[in-house]
Amino acid sequence: MNDIFITIIVSIFTAIATSVILDLIKRYGKLKLYNKFAFTQVNNDNNKYFIQFPLDVFIEIQNTTRETMTIRDFNGFLVKDNKIVTMLTQGSGYSKNNIITKTGTYGNNGSYSFISPPRSIEKYELSFLRLFESNIEADTLIFRYFDDSDKAVYLHSFYIESDKSKCKMVQPQYVLLKKTRKPINAKDFA
């Protein structure tokens, strides 16, 4: 009778341990996002902010886990002193005078949400617009998305240069987007 009881306990323990180990193996790896884009600095005394819009961004999503990962509502924000100044608008297409004329060309067929299959690398082209033409002072561009648990994840992209020199800056290679702290007023832009 004791042998049967011990066999049952060992079987239960083995099943639980196997399940936990398989789950850990499945979750091993990371979801990493990289970006690459070109932007222009302008010499304009009336404009204190030196990114030319629309801002085209190439995002590369690298999923090294064995799980499907979700990136929902990928968006850009301009930040000054860790406070969001403005949320950028996700563009689906534009013409020379910034009037949207075609759709489905950016993101995931026009959507800025992505499903990344296990062990994959995918590339997307995104476009962000600034709808209001007022002078905006910002020192940082950050991105935000929501993960599988609907938790906001903030990623630092780059610091905005404050000098007024004329130069065109191009980022010729992909750069890892690193997690950053949540802006102070982030709940106002949820």
Protein backbone atom coordinates (compact mmCIF):
# COMPACT_ATOMS: atom_id res chain seq x y z
CA MET A 1 0.00 0.00 0.00
CA ASN A 2 2.86 2.40 0.81
CA ASP A 3 4.45 1.64 -2.57
CA ILE A 4 1.30 2.71 -4.42
CA PHE A 5 1.07 5.92 -2.37
CA ILE A 6 4.75 6.75 -3.05
CA THR A 7 4.30 5.99 -6.77
CA ILE A 8 1.29 8.33 -6.96
CA ILE A 9 3.18 11.16 -5.20
CA VAL A 10 6.24 10.72 -7.44
CA SER A 11 4.02 10.69 -10.55
CA ILE A 12 2.24 13.89 -9.52
CA PHE A 13 5.54 15.60 -8.67
CA THR A 14 7.07 14.49 -12.00
CA ALA A 15 4.07 15.78 -13.97
CA ILE A 16 4.18 19.17 -12.21
CA ALA A 17 7.96 19.47 -12.57
CA THR A 18 7.79 18.57 -16.27
CA SER A 19 5.06 21.14 -16.86
CA VAL A 20 7.05 23.88 -15.08
CA ILE A 21 10.29 23.05 -16.91
CA LEU A 22 8.56 23.00 -20.31
CA ASP A 23 6.93 26.37 -19.55
CA LEU A 24 10.33 27.85 -18.58
CA ILE A 25 11.92 26.52 -21.77
CA LYS A 26 9.05 27.97 -23.82
CA ARG A 27 9.51 31.42 -22.24
CA TYR A 28 13.30 31.43 -22.62
CA GLY A 29 14.39 34.26 -24.88
CA LYS A 30 13.35 37.89 -25.28
CA LEU A 31 11.29 40.22 -27.35
CA LYS A 32 13.52 42.99 -28.69
CA LEU A 33 12.60 45.96 -30.83
CA TYR A 34 15.03 47.89 -33.00
CA ASN A 35 14.46 51.08 -34.98
CA LYS A 36 16.05 52.89 -37.90
CA PHE A 37 14.96 56.19 -39.46
CA ALA A 38 16.06 59.43 -41.03
CA PHE A 39 15.26 62.86 -39.70
CA THR A 40 16.27 66.39 -40.61
CA GLN A 41 17.32 69.24 -38.39
CA VAL A 42 16.21 72.62 -39.64
CA ASN A 43 17.58 76.07 -38.98
CA ASN A 44 14.38 77.91 -38.11
CA ASP A 45 14.21 80.32 -35.17
CA ASN A 46 10.42 79.97 -34.93
CA ASN A 47 10.57 76.22 -34.58
CA LYS A 48 12.23 75.01 -31.36
CA TYR A 49 11.90 71.42 -32.39
CA PHE A 50 13.96 69.87 -35.10
CA ILE A 51 12.30 66.73 -36.41
CA GLN A 52 10.78 66.85 -39.85
CA PHE A 53 7.32 65.31 -40.10
CA PRO A 54 6.04 62.94 -41.25
CA LEU A 55 8.63 60.84 -39.43
CA ASP A 56 9.18 57.48 -41.11
CA VAL A 57 10.48 54.77 -38.81
CA PHE A 58 11.54 51.23 -39.60
CA ILE A 59 10.86 48.81 -36.74
CA GLU A 60 12.40 45.37 -36.54
CA ILE A 61 10.78 42.97 -34.06
CA GLN A 62 12.96 40.10 -32.90
CA ASN A 63 11.19 37.37 -30.94
CA THR A 64 13.64 34.74 -29.65
CA THR A 65 11.07 33.05 -27.38
CA ARG A 66 9.02 29.99 -28.28
CA GLU A 67 5.80 31.92 -27.68
CA THR A 68 3.77 34.18 -29.91
CA MET A 69 4.14 37.75 -28.62
CA THR A 70 1.76 40.69 -29.07
CA ILE A 71 2.71 44.33 -29.59
CA ARG A 72 -0.47 46.39 -29.51
CA ASP A 73 -0.91 50.08 -30.37
CA PHE A 74 2.72 51.01 -31.07
CA ASN A 75 2.90 54.81 -30.85
CA GLY A 76 5.36 57.67 -30.53
CA PHE A 77 5.54 60.51 -28.00
CA LEU A 78 7.56 63.69 -27.72
CA VAL A 79 8.80 64.21 -24.17
CA LYS A 80 10.34 67.13 -22.29
CA ASP A 81 11.78 66.60 -18.78
CA ASN A 82 10.06 63.19 -18.49
CA LYS A 83 6.62 64.68 -19.29
CA ILE A 84 4.78 63.86 -22.50
CA VAL A 85 4.38 67.02 -24.57
CA THR A 86 2.41 65.45 -27.42
CA MET A 87 1.38 62.07 -28.73
CA LEU A 88 2.19 61.54 -32.39
CA THR A 89 -0.48 60.36 -34.82
CA GLN A 90 -0.05 57.00 -36.50
CA GLY A 91 -0.03 57.63 -40.23
CA SER A 92 -1.40 55.27 -42.81
CA GLY A 93 -0.19 57.26 -45.82
CA TYR A 94 0.32 60.85 -46.89
CA SER A 95 0.88 63.10 -49.86
CA LYS A 96 3.33 65.98 -50.26
CA ASN A 97 1.12 68.41 -48.33
CA ASN A 98 0.50 65.93 -45.47
CA ILE A 99 -3.04 65.09 -46.56
CA ILE A 100 -3.62 61.39 -46.11
CA THR A 101 -4.28 59.92 -49.54
CA LYS A 102 -3.60 56.20 -49.36
CA THR A 103 -4.01 53.58 -46.66
CA GLY A 104 -2.55 50.23 -45.75
CA THR A 105 1.02 51.14 -46.64
CA TYR A 106 2.44 51.51 -43.12
CA GLY A 107 2.55 49.20 -40.13
CA ASN A 108 0.84 45.85 -40.38
CA ASN A 109 -1.46 46.66 -43.35
CA GLY A 110 -2.32 50.00 -41.76
CA SER A 111 -2.49 48.70 -38.18
CA TYR A 112 0.14 49.60 -35.59
CA SER A 113 -0.39 46.33 -33.69
CA PHE A 114 1.73 43.27 -34.42
CA ILE A 115 1.74 39.57 -33.63
CA SER A 116 5.27 38.18 -33.59
CA PRO A 117 5.51 34.41 -34.13
CA PRO A 118 7.99 32.36 -32.08
CA ARG A 119 11.66 32.62 -33.08
CA SER A 120 11.14 35.24 -35.77
CA ILE A 121 12.37 38.59 -37.03
CA GLU A 122 9.95 40.91 -38.80
CA LYS A 123 10.37 44.39 -40.26
CA TYR A 124 7.70 47.09 -40.56
CA GLU A 125 7.68 50.66 -41.84
CA LEU A 126 5.73 53.13 -39.68
CA SER A 127 4.94 56.79 -40.15
CA PHE A 128 4.18 59.29 -37.41
CA LEU A 129 2.56 62.68 -37.97
CA ARG A 130 2.27 65.76 -35.82
CA LEU A 131 -1.13 67.27 -36.50
CA PHE A 132 -0.74 70.61 -34.76
CA GLU A 133 1.77 73.13 -36.06
CA SER A 134 2.40 74.93 -32.77
CA ASN A 135 5.95 75.28 -31.47
CA ILE A 136 6.71 72.30 -29.29
CA GLU A 137 9.80 71.92 -27.17
CA ALA A 138 10.84 68.33 -26.64
CA ASP A 139 14.08 66.63 -25.66
CA THR A 140 13.26 62.97 -26.27
CA LEU A 141 11.33 60.71 -28.63
CA ILE A 142 9.91 57.61 -26.95
CA PHE A 143 7.69 54.79 -28.14
CA ARG A 144 5.00 52.94 -26.23
CA TYR A 145 3.19 49.68 -26.85
CA PHE A 146 0.99 47.34 -24.84
CA ASP A 147 2.13 43.74 -24.27
CA ASP A 148 0.13 40.49 -23.95
CA SER A 149 -0.99 41.51 -20.45
CA ASP A 150 -2.12 45.00 -21.59
CA LYS A 151 0.81 46.50 -19.68
CA ALA A 152 2.32 49.65 -21.20
CA VAL A 153 5.97 49.28 -22.21
CA TYR A 154 7.94 52.50 -22.85
CA LEU A 155 11.03 52.48 -25.09
CA HIS A 156 13.61 55.24 -25.45
CA SER A 157 14.38 56.09 -29.08
CA PHE A 158 16.67 59.14 -29.10
CA TYR A 159 17.39 62.54 -27.64
CA ILE A 160 16.37 65.49 -29.80
CA GLU A 161 19.27 67.77 -30.59
CA SER A 162 18.77 71.33 -29.42
CA ASP A 163 21.36 73.09 -31.58
CA LYS A 164 20.15 74.94 -34.66
CA SER A 165 22.79 73.80 -37.11
CA LYS A 166 21.74 72.77 -40.58
CA CYS A 167 22.47 69.11 -40.97
CA LYS A 168 20.65 66.06 -42.18
CA MET A 169 21.05 63.16 -39.80
CA VAL A 170 20.43 59.61 -40.94
CA GLN A 171 20.55 56.54 -38.72
CA PRO A 172 21.94 53.97 -41.20
CA GLN A 173 21.57 50.91 -39.00
CA TYR A 174 19.10 49.41 -36.57
CA VAL A 175 19.47 50.43 -32.92
CA LEU A 176 18.03 48.50 -29.98
CA LEU A 177 15.16 50.32 -28.26
CA LYS A 178 15.76 50.12 -24.52
CA LYS A 179 13.06 50.25 -21.89
CA THR A 180 12.70 53.59 -20.16
CA ARG A 181 10.77 54.86 -17.19
CA LYS A 182 7.15 55.78 -17.54
CA PRO A 183 6.62 59.53 -18.14
CA ILE A 184 5.09 61.44 -15.24
CA ASN A 185 1.87 62.30 -17.07
CA ALA A 186 1.53 59.02 -19.03
CA LYS A 187 -1.95 58.28 -17.63
CA ASP A 188 -3.22 61.39 -19.48
CA PHE A 189 -2.29 59.69 -22.79
CA ALA A 190 -3.60 56.17 -22.10
